[in-house]
Amino acid sequence: MGAHTGNRRCSPSTSTARRRTRPPASSAAVAARRPSSPTTKPISKDDAAEGKARTKQACSRRRDMEVRRKMEVLRRLVPSGSGSGGDDEVDELLLRAAGYIERLQAQVTVMQFMVDVLEDTKH
């Protein structure tokens, strides 16, 4: 399992829609898709700002869902880590996970020492 640094940003360049490529369209096809009506107005600054705000909200929701999913996985991994997932419980879960990791590291150290001792007694 790879480590996640949390530096991944949500941007249009990482979306699946951007990754799909289309063959280049001919200029006739492009002209046919353009609206013929001169009543189409250019995008205003307000519209662009609103679009950016919606994109930020979508990225924020996606990030929140990812954090919730990872916290649920951590709850299942850490002993006695079941619960409802409130804000206070997040701190408690992270503290329990840190303690659990320390205990696992101590067990690995003891087992490595035992392996070293057993290897020395064979020779």
PDB file of N, CA and C in Angstrom:
ATOM      1  N   MET A   1       0.842  -1.168   0.000  1.00  0.00           N
ATOM      2  CA  MET A   1       0.000   0.000   0.000  1.00  0.00           C
ATOM      3  C   MET A   1       0.887   1.230   0.000  1.00  0.00           C
ATOM      4  N   GLY A   2       0.656   2.131  -0.930  1.00  0.00           N
ATOM      5  CA  GLY A   2       1.507   3.303  -1.051  1.00  0.00           C
ATOM      6  C   GLY A   2       1.112   4.386  -0.072  1.00  0.00           C
ATOM      7  N   ALA A   3       2.062   5.247   0.236  1.00  0.00           N
ATOM      8  CA  ALA A   3       1.796   6.348   1.156  1.00  0.00           C
ATOM      9  C   ALA A   3       1.174   7.498   0.380  1.00  0.00           C
ATOM     10  N   HIS A   4       0.304   8.220   1.026  1.00  0.00           N
ATOM     11  CA  HIS A   4      -0.342   9.371   0.409  1.00  0.00           C
ATOM     12  C   HIS A   4       0.114  10.601   1.157  1.00  0.00           C
ATOM     13  N   THR A   5       0.646  11.561   0.396  1.00  0.00           N
ATOM     14  CA  THR A   5       1.168  12.762   1.039  1.00  0.00           C
ATOM     15  C   THR A   5       0.120  13.823   1.247  1.00  0.00           C
ATOM     16  N   GLY A   6      -1.022  13.695   0.589  1.00  0.00           N
ATOM     17  CA  GLY A   6      -2.070  14.688   0.769  1.00  0.00           C
ATOM     18  C   GLY A   6      -1.854  15.942  -0.052  1.00  0.00           C
ATOM     19  N   ASN A   7      -0.861  15.964  -0.959  1.00  0.00           N
ATOM     20  CA  ASN A   7      -0.581  17.142  -1.755  1.00  0.00           C
ATOM     21  C   ASN A   7      -1.298  17.130  -3.092  1.00  0.00           C
ATOM     22  N   ARG A   8      -2.117  16.129  -3.340  1.00  0.00           N
ATOM     23  CA  ARG A   8      -2.822  16.054  -4.607  1.00  0.00           C
ATOM     24  C   ARG A   8      -3.870  17.143  -4.636  1.00  0.00           C
ATOM     25  N   ARG A   9      -3.909  17.876  -5.710  1.00  0.00           N
ATOM     26  CA  ARG A   9      -4.867  18.965  -5.825  1.00  0.00           C
ATOM     27  C   ARG A   9      -5.960  18.571  -6.796  1.00  0.00           C
ATOM     28  N   CYS A  10      -7.106  19.097  -6.549  1.00  0.00           N
ATOM     29  CA  CYS A  10      -8.244  18.874  -7.430  1.00  0.00           C
ATOM     30  C   CYS A  10      -8.224  19.969  -8.472  1.00  0.00           C
ATOM     31  N   SER A  11      -7.993  19.633  -9.698  1.00  0.00           N
ATOM     32  CA  SER A  11      -7.984  20.619 -10.756  1.00  0.00           C
ATOM     33  C   SER A  11      -8.572  20.018 -12.011  1.00  0.00           C
ATOM     34  N   PRO A  12      -8.997  20.853 -12.933  1.00  0.00           N
ATOM     35  CA  PRO A  12      -9.587  20.329 -14.162  1.00  0.00           C
ATOM     36  C   PRO A  12      -8.635  19.438 -14.936  1.00  0.00           C
ATOM     37  N   SER A  13      -7.316  19.643 -14.807  1.00  0.00           N
ATOM     38  CA  SER A  13      -6.368  18.841 -15.564  1.00  0.00           C
ATOM     39  C   SER A  13      -6.309  17.403 -15.069  1.00  0.00           C
ATOM     40  N   THR A  14      -6.793  17.121 -13.842  1.00  0.00           N
ATOM     41  CA  THR A  14      -6.745  15.749 -13.329  1.00  0.00           C
ATOM     42  C   THR A  14      -8.067  15.035 -13.472  1.00  0.00           C
ATOM     43  N   SER A  15      -9.078  15.718 -14.011  1.00  0.00           N
ATOM     44  CA  SER A  15     -10.374  15.068 -14.114  1.00  0.00           C
ATOM     45  C   SER A  15     -10.376  14.067 -15.251  1.00  0.00           C
ATOM     46  N   THR A  16     -11.269  13.081 -15.163  1.00  0.00           N
ATOM     47  CA  THR A  16     -11.338  12.057 -16.204  1.00  0.00           C
ATOM     48  C   THR A  16     -11.811  12.645 -17.518  1.00  0.00           C
ATOM     49  N   ALA A  17     -12.609  13.698 -17.453  1.00  0.00           N
ATOM     50  CA  ALA A  17     -13.075  14.309 -18.689  1.00  0.00           C
ATOM     51  C   ALA A  17     -11.917  14.914 -19.471  1.00  0.00           C
ATOM     52  N   ARG A  18     -10.938  15.451 -18.790  1.00  0.00           N
ATOM     53  CA  ARG A  18      -9.787  16.047 -19.454  1.00  0.00           C
ATOM     54  C   ARG A  18      -8.867  14.996 -20.044  1.00  0.00           C
ATOM     55  N   ARG A  19      -8.785  13.839 -19.436  1.00  0.00           N
ATOM     56  CA  ARG A  19      -7.857  12.809 -19.884  1.00  0.00           C
ATOM     57  C   ARG A  19      -8.321  12.147 -21.172  1.00  0.00           C
ATOM     58  N   ARG A  20      -9.605  12.154 -21.426  1.00  0.00           N
ATOM     59  CA  ARG A  20     -10.112  11.567 -22.658  1.00  0.00           C
ATOM     60  C   ARG A  20      -9.730  12.460 -23.813  1.00  0.00           C
ATOM     61  N   THR A  21      -9.254  11.860 -24.867  1.00  0.00           N
ATOM     62  CA  THR A  21      -8.865  12.650 -26.022  1.00  0.00           C
ATOM     63  C   THR A  21      -9.790  12.339 -27.182  1.00  0.00           C
ATOM     64  N   ARG A  22     -10.014  13.337 -27.993  1.00  0.00           N
ATOM     65  CA  ARG A  22     -10.826  13.188 -29.185  1.00  0.00           C
ATOM     66  C   ARG A  22      -9.953  13.457 -30.397  1.00  0.00           C
ATOM     67  N   PRO A  23     -10.312  12.852 -31.512  1.00  0.00           N
ATOM     68  CA  PRO A  23      -9.562  13.195 -32.727  1.00  0.00           C
ATOM     69  C   PRO A  23      -9.855  14.641 -33.091  1.00  0.00           C
ATOM     70  N   PRO A  24      -8.910  15.323 -33.734  1.00  0.00           N
ATOM     71  CA  PRO A  24      -9.147  16.724 -34.087  1.00  0.00           C
ATOM     72  C   PRO A  24     -10.322  16.837 -35.052  1.00  0.00           C
ATOM     73  N   ALA A  25     -11.171  17.829 -34.806  1.00  0.00           N
ATOM     74  CA  ALA A  25     -12.336  18.047 -35.648  1.00  0.00           C
ATOM     75  C   ALA A  25     -11.963  18.947 -36.816  1.00  0.00           C
ATOM     76  N   SER A  26     -12.612  18.736 -37.927  1.00  0.00           N
ATOM     77  CA  SER A  26     -12.376  19.597 -39.081  1.00  0.00           C
ATOM     78  C   SER A  26     -12.985  20.966 -38.812  1.00  0.00           C
ATOM     79  N   SER A  27     -12.533  21.981 -39.540  1.00  0.00           N
ATOM     80  CA  SER A  27     -13.053  23.329 -39.308  1.00  0.00           C
ATOM     81  C   SER A  27     -14.529  23.420 -39.693  1.00  0.00           C
ATOM     82  N   ALA A  28     -14.971  22.603 -40.667  1.00  0.00           N
ATOM     83  CA  ALA A  28     -16.385  22.607 -41.046  1.00  0.00           C
ATOM     84  C   ALA A  28     -17.240  22.061 -39.905  1.00  0.00           C
ATOM     85  N   ALA A  29     -16.730  21.007 -39.235  1.00  0.00           N
ATOM     86  CA  ALA A  29     -17.475  20.423 -38.123  1.00  0.00           C
ATOM     87  C   ALA A  29     -17.553  21.406 -36.955  1.00  0.00           C
ATOM     88  N   VAL A  30     -16.480  22.121 -36.723  1.00  0.00           N
ATOM     89  CA  VAL A  30     -16.467  23.109 -35.647  1.00  0.00           C
ATOM     90  C   VAL A  30     -17.447  24.228 -35.960  1.00  0.00           C
ATOM     91  N   ALA A  31     -17.466  24.703 -37.183  1.00  0.00           N
ATOM     92  CA  ALA A  31     -18.374  25.781 -37.579  1.00  0.00           C
ATOM     93  C   ALA A  31     -19.819  25.330 -37.480  1.00  0.00           C
ATOM     94  N   ALA A  32     -20.078  24.052 -37.784  1.00  0.00           N
ATOM     95  CA  ALA A  32     -21.443  23.542 -37.709  1.00  0.00           C
ATOM     96  C   ALA A  32     -21.934  23.479 -36.270  1.00  0.00           C
ATOM     97  N   ARG A  33     -21.045  23.289 -35.324  1.00  0.00           N
ATOM     98  CA  ARG A  33     -21.433  23.197 -33.915  1.00  0.00           C
ATOM     99  C   ARG A  33     -21.625  24.563 -33.284  1.00  0.00           C
ATOM    100  N   ARG A  34     -21.069  25.605 -33.883  1.00  0.00           N
ATOM    101  CA  ARG A  34     -21.209  26.948 -33.321  1.00  0.00           C
ATOM    102  C   ARG A  34     -22.632  27.443 -33.480  1.00  0.00           C
ATOM    103  N   PRO A  35     -23.133  28.138 -32.472  1.00  0.00           N
ATOM    104  CA  PRO A  35     -24.472  28.701 -32.623  1.00  0.00           C
ATOM    105  C   PRO A  35     -24.453  29.798 -33.678  1.00  0.00           C
ATOM    106  N   SER A  36     -25.443  29.812 -34.541  1.00  0.00           N
ATOM    107  CA  SER A  36     -25.494  30.804 -35.609  1.00  0.00           C
ATOM    108  C   SER A  36     -26.086  32.120 -35.139  1.00  0.00           C
ATOM    109  N   SER A  37     -26.736  32.104 -33.995  1.00  0.00           N
ATOM    110  CA  SER A  37     -27.403  33.290 -33.481  1.00  0.00           C
ATOM    111  C   SER A  37     -26.392  34.249 -32.870  1.00  0.00           C
ATOM    112  N   PRO A  38     -26.460  35.511 -33.238  1.00  0.00           N
ATOM    113  CA  PRO A  38     -25.541  36.493 -32.645  1.00  0.00           C
ATOM    114  C   PRO A  38     -25.953  36.894 -31.238  1.00  0.00           C
ATOM    115  N   THR A  39     -27.026  36.301 -30.701  1.00  0.00           N
ATOM    116  CA  THR A  39     -27.503  36.679 -29.374  1.00  0.00           C
ATOM    117  C   THR A  39     -26.739  35.983 -28.254  1.00  0.00           C
ATOM    118  N   THR A  40     -25.833  35.073 -28.578  1.00  0.00           N
ATOM    119  CA  THR A  40     -25.072  34.425 -27.515  1.00  0.00           C
ATOM    120  C   THR A  40     -24.117  35.441 -26.912  1.00  0.00           C
ATOM    121  N   LYS A  41     -24.130  35.529 -25.607  1.00  0.00           N
ATOM    122  CA  LYS A  41     -23.307  36.529 -24.944  1.00  0.00           C
ATOM    123  C   LYS A  41     -22.027  35.874 -24.417  1.00  0.00           C
ATOM    124  N   PRO A  42     -20.956  36.632 -24.353  1.00  0.00           N
ATOM    125  CA  PRO A  42     -19.717  36.082 -23.800  1.00  0.00           C
ATOM    126  C   PRO A  42     -19.866  35.857 -22.297  1.00  0.00           C
ATOM    127  N   ILE A  43     -19.026  35.008 -21.771  1.00  0.00           N
ATOM    128  CA  ILE A  43     -19.072  34.701 -20.336  1.00  0.00           C
ATOM    129  C   ILE A  43     -18.582  35.907 -19.553  1.00  0.00           C
ATOM    130  N   SER A  44     -19.381  36.331 -18.597  1.00  0.00           N
ATOM    131  CA  SER A  44     -19.002  37.486 -17.787  1.00  0.00           C
ATOM    132  C   SER A  44     -18.077  37.043 -16.656  1.00  0.00           C
ATOM    133  N   LYS A  45     -17.483  38.031 -16.008  1.00  0.00           N
ATOM    134  CA  LYS A  45     -16.601  37.746 -14.870  1.00  0.00           C
ATOM    135  C   LYS A  45     -17.374  37.097 -13.733  1.00  0.00           C
ATOM    136  N   ASP A  46     -18.625  37.517 -13.541  1.00  0.00           N
ATOM    137  CA  ASP A  46     -19.466  36.935 -12.490  1.00  0.00           C
ATOM    138  C   ASP A  46     -19.741  35.462 -12.778  1.00  0.00           C
ATOM    139  N   ASP A  47     -20.039  35.151 -14.048  1.00  0.00           N
ATOM    140  CA  ASP A  47     -20.282  33.751 -14.422  1.00  0.00           C
ATOM    141  C   ASP A  47     -19.031  32.910 -14.208  1.00  0.00           C
ATOM    142  N   ALA A  48     -17.880  33.456 -14.580  1.00  0.00           N
ATOM    143  CA  ALA A  48     -16.627  32.731 -14.402  1.00  0.00           C
ATOM    144  C   ALA A  48     -16.338  32.509 -12.917  1.00  0.00           C
ATOM    145  N   ALA A  49     -16.581  33.531 -12.099  1.00  0.00           N
ATOM    146  CA  ALA A  49     -16.351  33.409 -10.655  1.00  0.00           C
ATOM    147  C   ALA A  49     -17.293  32.374 -10.048  1.00  0.00           C
ATOM    148  N   GLU A  50     -18.544  32.364 -10.513  1.00  0.00           N
ATOM    149  CA  GLU A  50     -19.514  31.386 -10.014  1.00  0.00           C
ATOM    150  C   GLU A  50     -19.099  29.967 -10.401  1.00  0.00           C
ATOM    151  N   GLY A  51     -18.590  29.822 -11.615  1.00  0.00           N
ATOM    152  CA  GLY A  51     -18.108  28.508 -12.058  1.00  0.00           C
ATOM    153  C   GLY A  51     -16.927  28.034 -11.223  1.00  0.00           C
ATOM    154  N   LYS A  52     -16.017  28.941 -10.913  1.00  0.00           N
ATOM    155  CA  LYS A  52     -14.868  28.588 -10.075  1.00  0.00           C
ATOM    156  C   LYS A  52     -15.316  28.196  -8.670  1.00  0.00           C
ATOM    157  N   ALA A  53     -16.304  28.923  -8.140  1.00  0.00           N
ATOM    158  CA  ALA A  53     -16.810  28.614  -6.789  1.00  0.00           C
ATOM    159  C   ALA A  53     -17.439  27.227  -6.774  1.00  0.00           C
ATOM    160  N   ARG A  54     -18.208  26.898  -7.825  1.00  0.00           N
ATOM    161  CA  ARG A  54     -18.810  25.558  -7.895  1.00  0.00           C
ATOM    162  C   ARG A  54     -17.745  24.484  -7.990  1.00  0.00           C
ATOM    163  N   THR A  55     -16.690  24.752  -8.761  1.00  0.00           N
ATOM    164  CA  THR A  55     -15.598  23.789  -8.890  1.00  0.00           C
ATOM    165  C   THR A  55     -14.912  23.579  -7.548  1.00  0.00           C
ATOM    166  N   LYS A  56     -14.682  24.666  -6.810  1.00  0.00           N
ATOM    167  CA  LYS A  56     -14.053  24.549  -5.490  1.00  0.00           C
ATOM    168  C   LYS A  56     -14.932  23.755  -4.531  1.00  0.00           C
ATOM    169  N   GLN A  57     -16.246  24.004  -4.588  1.00  0.00           N
ATOM    170  CA  GLN A  57     -17.168  23.258  -3.723  1.00  0.00           C
ATOM    171  C   GLN A  57     -17.153  21.784  -4.070  1.00  0.00           C
ATOM    172  N   ALA A  58     -17.124  21.469  -5.351  1.00  0.00           N
ATOM    173  CA  ALA A  58     -17.097  20.064  -5.775  1.00  0.00           C
ATOM    174  C   ALA A  58     -15.809  19.403  -5.316  1.00  0.00           C
ATOM    175  N   CYS A  59     -14.691  20.092  -5.441  1.00  0.00           N
ATOM    176  CA  CYS A  59     -13.406  19.546  -4.981  1.00  0.00           C
ATOM    177  C   CYS A  59     -13.419  19.338  -3.469  1.00  0.00           C
ATOM    178  N   SER A  60     -14.000  20.295  -2.752  1.00  0.00           N
ATOM    179  CA  SER A  60     -14.074  20.196  -1.304  1.00  0.00           C
ATOM    180  C   SER A  60     -14.932  19.006  -0.882  1.00  0.00           C
ATOM    181  N   ARG A  61     -16.081  18.827  -1.545  1.00  0.00           N
ATOM    182  CA  ARG A  61     -16.945  17.675  -1.227  1.00  0.00           C
ATOM    183  C   ARG A  61     -16.230  16.367  -1.531  1.00  0.00           C
ATOM    184  N   ARG A  62     -15.538  16.315  -2.668  1.00  0.00           N
ATOM    185  CA  ARG A  62     -14.806  15.106  -3.047  1.00  0.00           C
ATOM    186  C   ARG A  62     -13.717  14.793  -2.016  1.00  0.00           C
ATOM    187  N   ARG A  63     -13.005  15.829  -1.576  1.00  0.00           N
ATOM    188  CA  ARG A  63     -11.940  15.655  -0.586  1.00  0.00           C
ATOM    189  C   ARG A  63     -12.519  15.189   0.750  1.00  0.00           C
ATOM    190  N   ASP A  64     -13.656  15.785   1.162  1.00  0.00           N
ATOM    191  CA  ASP A  64     -14.307  15.379   2.414  1.00  0.00           C
ATOM    192  C   ASP A  64     -14.740  13.922   2.358  1.00  0.00           C
ATOM    193  N   MET A  65     -15.306  13.513   1.216  1.00  0.00           N
ATOM    194  CA  MET A  65     -15.729  12.119   1.071  1.00  0.00           C
ATOM    195  C   MET A  65     -14.537  11.176   1.135  1.00  0.00           C
ATOM    196  N   GLU A  66     -13.419  11.582   0.535  1.00  0.00           N
ATOM    197  CA  GLU A  66     -12.216  10.749   0.566  1.00  0.00           C
ATOM    198  C   GLU A  66     -11.674  10.624   1.992  1.00  0.00           C
ATOM    199  N   VAL A  67     -11.688  11.728   2.739  1.00  0.00           N
ATOM    200  CA  VAL A  67     -11.224  11.691   4.131  1.00  0.00           C
ATOM    201  C   VAL A  67     -12.128  10.791   4.965  1.00  0.00           C
ATOM    202  N   ARG A  68     -13.452  10.916   4.778  1.00  0.00           N
ATOM    203  CA  ARG A  68     -14.380  10.047   5.527  1.00  0.00           C
ATOM    204  C   ARG A  68     -14.134   8.579   5.222  1.00  0.00           C
ATOM    205  N   ARG A  69     -13.911   8.272   3.949  1.00  0.00           N
ATOM    206  CA  ARG A  69     -13.663   6.883   3.556  1.00  0.00           C
ATOM    207  C   ARG A  69     -12.378   6.361   4.202  1.00  0.00           C
ATOM    208  N   LYS A  70     -11.335   7.174   4.195  1.00  0.00           N
ATOM    209  CA  LYS A  70     -10.064   6.751   4.802  1.00  0.00           C
ATOM    210  C   LYS A  70     -10.181   6.603   6.316  1.00  0.00           C
ATOM    211  N   MET A  71     -10.960   7.476   6.949  1.00  0.00           N
ATOM    212  CA  MET A  71     -11.160   7.354   8.392  1.00  0.00           C
ATOM    213  C   MET A  71     -11.921   6.068   8.713  1.00  0.00           C
ATOM    214  N   GLU A  72     -12.873   5.701   7.870  1.00  0.00           N
ATOM    215  CA  GLU A  72     -13.622   4.457   8.077  1.00  0.00           C
ATOM    216  C   GLU A  72     -12.694   3.252   7.941  1.00  0.00           C
ATOM    217  N   VAL A  73     -11.789   3.291   6.979  1.00  0.00           N
ATOM    218  CA  VAL A  73     -10.809   2.210   6.828  1.00  0.00           C
ATOM    219  C   VAL A  73      -9.928   2.139   8.066  1.00  0.00           C
ATOM    220  N   LEU A  74      -9.484   3.285   8.573  1.00  0.00           N
ATOM    221  CA  LEU A  74      -8.655   3.321   9.775  1.00  0.00           C
ATOM    222  C   LEU A  74      -9.422   2.780  10.975  1.00  0.00           C
ATOM    223  N   ARG A  75     -10.714   3.117  11.080  1.00  0.00           N
ATOM    224  CA  ARG A  75     -11.549   2.599  12.170  1.00  0.00           C
ATOM    225  C   ARG A  75     -11.586   1.080  12.161  1.00  0.00           C
ATOM    226  N   ARG A  76     -11.641   0.497  10.943  1.00  0.00           N
ATOM    227  CA  ARG A  76     -11.681  -0.967  10.844  1.00  0.00           C
ATOM    228  C   ARG A  76     -10.330  -1.592  11.162  1.00  0.00           C
ATOM    229  N   LEU A  77      -9.236  -0.895  10.915  1.00  0.00           N
ATOM    230  CA  LEU A  77      -7.900  -1.443  11.137  1.00  0.00           C
ATOM    231  C   LEU A  77      -7.448  -1.379  12.594  1.00  0.00           C
ATOM    232  N   VAL A  78      -7.823  -0.287  13.263  1.00  0.00           N
ATOM    233  CA  VAL A  78      -7.367  -0.083  14.641  1.00  0.00           C
ATOM    234  C   VAL A  78      -8.296  -0.841  15.589  1.00  0.00           C
ATOM    235  N   PRO A  79      -7.735  -1.640  16.493  1.00  0.00           N
ATOM    236  CA  PRO A  79      -8.582  -2.354  17.461  1.00  0.00           C
ATOM    237  C   PRO A  79      -9.437  -1.384  18.264  1.00  0.00           C
ATOM    238  N   SER A  80     -10.658  -1.790  18.526  1.00  0.00           N
ATOM    239  CA  SER A  80     -11.687  -1.003  19.218  1.00  0.00           C
ATOM    240  C   SER A  80     -11.853   0.366  18.569  1.00  0.00           C
ATOM    241  N   GLY A  81     -11.793   0.383  17.257  1.00  0.00           N
ATOM    242  CA  GLY A  81     -11.934   1.629  16.522  1.00  0.00           C
ATOM    243  C   GLY A  81     -13.298   1.810  15.914  1.00  0.00           C
ATOM    244  N   SER A  82     -14.294   1.073  16.385  1.00  0.00           N
ATOM    245  CA  SER A  82     -15.629   1.245  15.827  1.00  0.00           C
ATOM    246  C   SER A  82     -16.326   2.399  16.512  1.00  0.00           C
ATOM    247  N   GLY A  83     -17.154   3.082  15.767  1.00  0.00           N
ATOM    248  CA  GLY A  83     -17.897   4.202  16.343  1.00  0.00           C
ATOM    249  C   GLY A  83     -18.631   4.946  15.269  1.00  0.00           C
ATOM    250  N   SER A  84     -19.250   6.057  15.651  1.00  0.00           N
ATOM    251  CA  SER A  84     -20.106   6.789  14.719  1.00  0.00           C
ATOM    252  C   SER A  84     -19.339   7.761  13.844  1.00  0.00           C
ATOM    253  N   GLY A  85     -18.171   8.223  14.271  1.00  0.00           N
ATOM    254  CA  GLY A  85     -17.364   9.098  13.425  1.00  0.00           C
ATOM    255  C   GLY A  85     -17.546  10.579  13.674  1.00  0.00           C
ATOM    256  N   GLY A  86     -17.828  10.998  14.912  1.00  0.00           N
ATOM    257  CA  GLY A  86     -17.967  12.415  15.228  1.00  0.00           C
ATOM    258  C   GLY A  86     -16.618  13.115  15.222  1.00  0.00           C
ATOM    259  N   ASP A  87     -16.645  14.463  15.315  1.00  0.00           N
ATOM    260  CA  ASP A  87     -15.403  15.230  15.290  1.00  0.00           C
ATOM    261  C   ASP A  87     -14.504  14.894  16.469  1.00  0.00           C
ATOM    262  N   ASP A  88     -15.096  14.730  17.675  1.00  0.00           N
ATOM    263  CA  ASP A  88     -14.286  14.383  18.845  1.00  0.00           C
ATOM    264  C   ASP A  88     -13.665  12.995  18.667  1.00  0.00           C
ATOM    265  N   GLU A  89     -14.404  12.128  18.014  1.00  0.00           N
ATOM    266  CA  GLU A  89     -13.916  10.771  17.827  1.00  0.00           C
ATOM    267  C   GLU A  89     -12.737  10.721  16.863  1.00  0.00           C
ATOM    268  N   VAL A  90     -12.630  11.672  15.944  1.00  0.00           N
ATOM    269  CA  VAL A  90     -11.520  11.695  14.997  1.00  0.00           C
ATOM    270  C   VAL A  90     -10.205  11.820  15.756  1.00  0.00           C
ATOM    271  N   ASP A  91     -10.137  12.759  16.689  1.00  0.00           N
ATOM    272  CA  ASP A  91      -8.916  12.922  17.484  1.00  0.00           C
ATOM    273  C   ASP A  91      -8.616  11.652  18.277  1.00  0.00           C
ATOM    274  N   GLU A  92      -9.665  11.080  18.869  1.00  0.00           N
ATOM    275  CA  GLU A  92      -9.483   9.857  19.647  1.00  0.00           C
ATOM    276  C   GLU A  92      -9.003   8.713  18.757  1.00  0.00           C
ATOM    277  N   LEU A  93      -9.572   8.600  17.568  1.00  0.00           N
ATOM    278  CA  LEU A  93      -9.175   7.545  16.645  1.00  0.00           C
ATOM    279  C   LEU A  93      -7.724   7.708  16.221  1.00  0.00           C
ATOM    280  N   LEU A  94      -7.321   8.931  15.934  1.00  0.00           N
ATOM    281  CA  LEU A  94      -5.935   9.169  15.530  1.00  0.00           C
ATOM    282  C   LEU A  94      -4.961   8.863  16.667  1.00  0.00           C
ATOM    283  N   LEU A  95      -5.338   9.197  17.909  1.00  0.00           N
ATOM    284  CA  LEU A  95      -4.483   8.869  19.055  1.00  0.00           C
ATOM    285  C   LEU A  95      -4.392   7.355  19.252  1.00  0.00           C
ATOM    286  N   ARG A  96      -5.540   6.645  19.102  1.00  0.00           N
ATOM    287  CA  ARG A  96      -5.525   5.179  19.213  1.00  0.00           C
ATOM    288  C   ARG A  96      -4.673   4.556  18.114  1.00  0.00           C
ATOM    289  N   ALA A  97      -4.769   5.112  16.904  1.00  0.00           N
ATOM    290  CA  ALA A  97      -3.975   4.592  15.783  1.00  0.00           C
ATOM    291  C   ALA A  97      -2.489   4.798  16.044  1.00  0.00           C
ATOM    292  N   ALA A  98      -2.115   5.951  16.582  1.00  0.00           N
ATOM    293  CA  ALA A  98      -0.703   6.216  16.891  1.00  0.00           C
ATOM    294  C   ALA A  98      -0.187   5.238  17.948  1.00  0.00           C
ATOM    295  N   GLY A  99      -0.985   5.001  18.988  1.00  0.00           N
ATOM    296  CA  GLY A  99      -0.589   4.036  20.021  1.00  0.00           C
ATOM    297  C   GLY A  99      -0.482   2.626  19.463  1.00  0.00           C
ATOM    298  N   TYR A 100      -1.409   2.262  18.589  1.00  0.00           N
ATOM    299  CA  TYR A 100      -1.396   0.935  17.982  1.00  0.00           C
ATOM    300  C   TYR A 100      -0.152   0.749  17.122  1.00  0.00           C
ATOM    301  N   ILE A 101       0.223   1.778  16.376  1.00  0.00           N
ATOM    302  CA  ILE A 101       1.431   1.713  15.548  1.00  0.00           C
ATOM    303  C   ILE A 101       2.663   1.557  16.419  1.00  0.00           C
ATOM    304  N   GLU A 102       2.714   2.281  17.538  1.00  0.00           N
ATOM    305  CA  GLU A 102       3.854   2.146  18.461  1.00  0.00           C
ATOM    306  C   GLU A 102       3.948   0.721  19.003  1.00  0.00           C
ATOM    307  N   ARG A 103       2.802   0.132  19.372  1.00  0.00           N
ATOM    308  CA  ARG A 103       2.820  -1.251  19.884  1.00  0.00           C
ATOM    309  C   ARG A 103       3.265  -2.225  18.801  1.00  0.00           C
ATOM    310  N   LEU A 104       2.812  -2.017  17.579  1.00  0.00           N
ATOM    311  CA  LEU A 104       3.240  -2.891  16.480  1.00  0.00           C
ATOM    312  C   LEU A 104       4.742  -2.772  16.236  1.00  0.00           C
ATOM    313  N   GLN A 105       5.269  -1.557  16.302  1.00  0.00           N
ATOM    314  CA  GLN A 105       6.711  -1.359  16.124  1.00  0.00           C
ATOM    315  C   GLN A 105       7.494  -2.072  17.224  1.00  0.00           C
ATOM    316  N   ALA A 106       6.998  -2.014  18.457  1.00  0.00           N
ATOM    317  CA  ALA A 106       7.665  -2.699  19.565  1.00  0.00           C
ATOM    318  C   ALA A 106       7.634  -4.211  19.350  1.00  0.00           C
ATOM    319  N   GLN A 107       6.506  -4.750  18.877  1.00  0.00           N
ATOM    320  CA  GLN A 107       6.411  -6.183  18.605  1.00  0.00           C
ATOM    321  C   GLN A 107       7.391  -6.605  17.516  1.00  0.00           C
ATOM    322  N   VAL A 108       7.497  -5.794  16.476  1.00  0.00           N
ATOM    323  CA  VAL A 108       8.442  -6.104  15.395  1.00  0.00           C
ATOM    324  C   VAL A 108       9.876  -6.091  15.929  1.00  0.00           C
ATOM    325  N   THR A 109      10.201  -5.135  16.776  1.00  0.00           N
ATOM    326  CA  THR A 109      11.545  -5.062  17.355  1.00  0.00           C
ATOM    327  C   THR A 109      11.842  -6.302  18.190  1.00  0.00           C
ATOM    328  N   VAL A 110      10.880  -6.721  19.009  1.00  0.00           N
ATOM    329  CA  VAL A 110      11.065  -7.920  19.845  1.00  0.00           C
ATOM    330  C   VAL A 110      11.219  -9.157  18.968  1.00  0.00           C
ATOM    331  N   MET A 111      10.383  -9.284  17.929  1.00  0.00           N
ATOM    332  CA  MET A 111      10.479 -10.452  17.048  1.00  0.00           C
ATOM    333  C   MET A 111      11.802 -10.473  16.298  1.00  0.00           C
ATOM    334  N   GLN A 112      12.287  -9.299  15.872  1.00  0.00           N
ATOM    335  CA  GLN A 112      13.578  -9.241  15.187  1.00  0.00           C
ATOM    336  C   GLN A 112      14.701  -9.650  16.138  1.00  0.00           C
ATOM    337  N   PHE A 113      14.607  -9.223  17.399  1.00  0.00           N
ATOM    338  CA  PHE A 113      15.603  -9.616  18.397  1.00  0.00           C
ATOM    339  C   PHE A 113      15.581 -11.136  18.593  1.00  0.00           C
ATOM    340  N   MET A 114      14.371 -11.712  18.644  1.00  0.00           N
ATOM    341  CA  MET A 114      14.251 -13.161  18.814  1.00  0.00           C
ATOM    342  C   MET A 114      14.854 -13.908  17.618  1.00  0.00           C
ATOM    343  N   VAL A 115      14.618 -13.424  16.415  1.00  0.00           N
ATOM    344  CA  VAL A 115      15.199 -14.040  15.226  1.00  0.00           C
ATOM    345  C   VAL A 115      16.718 -13.959  15.291  1.00  0.00           C
ATOM    346  N   ASP A 116      17.248 -12.820  15.668  1.00  0.00           N
ATOM    347  CA  ASP A 116      18.710 -12.662  15.770  1.00  0.00           C
ATOM    348  C   ASP A 116      19.291 -13.630  16.788  1.00  0.00           C
ATOM    349  N   VAL A 117      18.634 -13.782  17.942  1.00  0.00           N
ATOM    350  CA  VAL A 117      19.119 -14.688  18.989  1.00  0.00           C
ATOM    351  C   VAL A 117      19.062 -16.128  18.481  1.00  0.00           C
ATOM    352  N   LEU A 118      17.971 -16.506  17.842  1.00  0.00           N
ATOM    353  CA  LEU A 118      17.841 -17.880  17.326  1.00  0.00           C
ATOM    354  C   LEU A 118      18.871 -18.174  16.237  1.00  0.00           C
ATOM    355  N   GLU A 119      19.171 -17.213  15.402  1.00  0.00           N
ATOM    356  CA  GLU A 119      20.189 -17.412  14.367  1.00  0.00           C
ATOM    357  C   GLU A 119      21.570 -17.568  14.991  1.00  0.00           C
ATOM    358  N   ASP A 120      21.872 -16.827  16.056  1.00  0.00           N
ATOM    359  CA  ASP A 120      23.171 -16.938  16.731  1.00  0.00           C
ATOM    360  C   ASP A 120      23.328 -18.282  17.409  1.00  0.00           C
ATOM    361  N   THR A 121      22.228 -18.877  17.928  1.00  0.00           N
ATOM    362  CA  THR A 121      22.329 -20.168  18.604  1.00  0.00           C
ATOM    363  C   THR A 121      22.523 -21.317  17.604  1.00  0.00           C
ATOM    364  N   LYS A 122      22.152 -21.118  16.346  1.00  0.00           N
ATOM    365  CA  LYS A 122      22.347 -22.157  15.332  1.00  0.00           C
ATOM    366  C   LYS A 122      23.814 -22.305  14.966  1.00  0.00           C
ATOM    367  N   HIS A 123      24.571 -21.264  15.029  1.00  0.00           N
ATOM    368  CA  HIS A 123      25.975 -21.296  14.589  1.00  0.00           C
ATOM    369  C   HIS A 123      26.889 -21.737  15.654  1.00  0.00           C
TER     370      HIS A 123
END
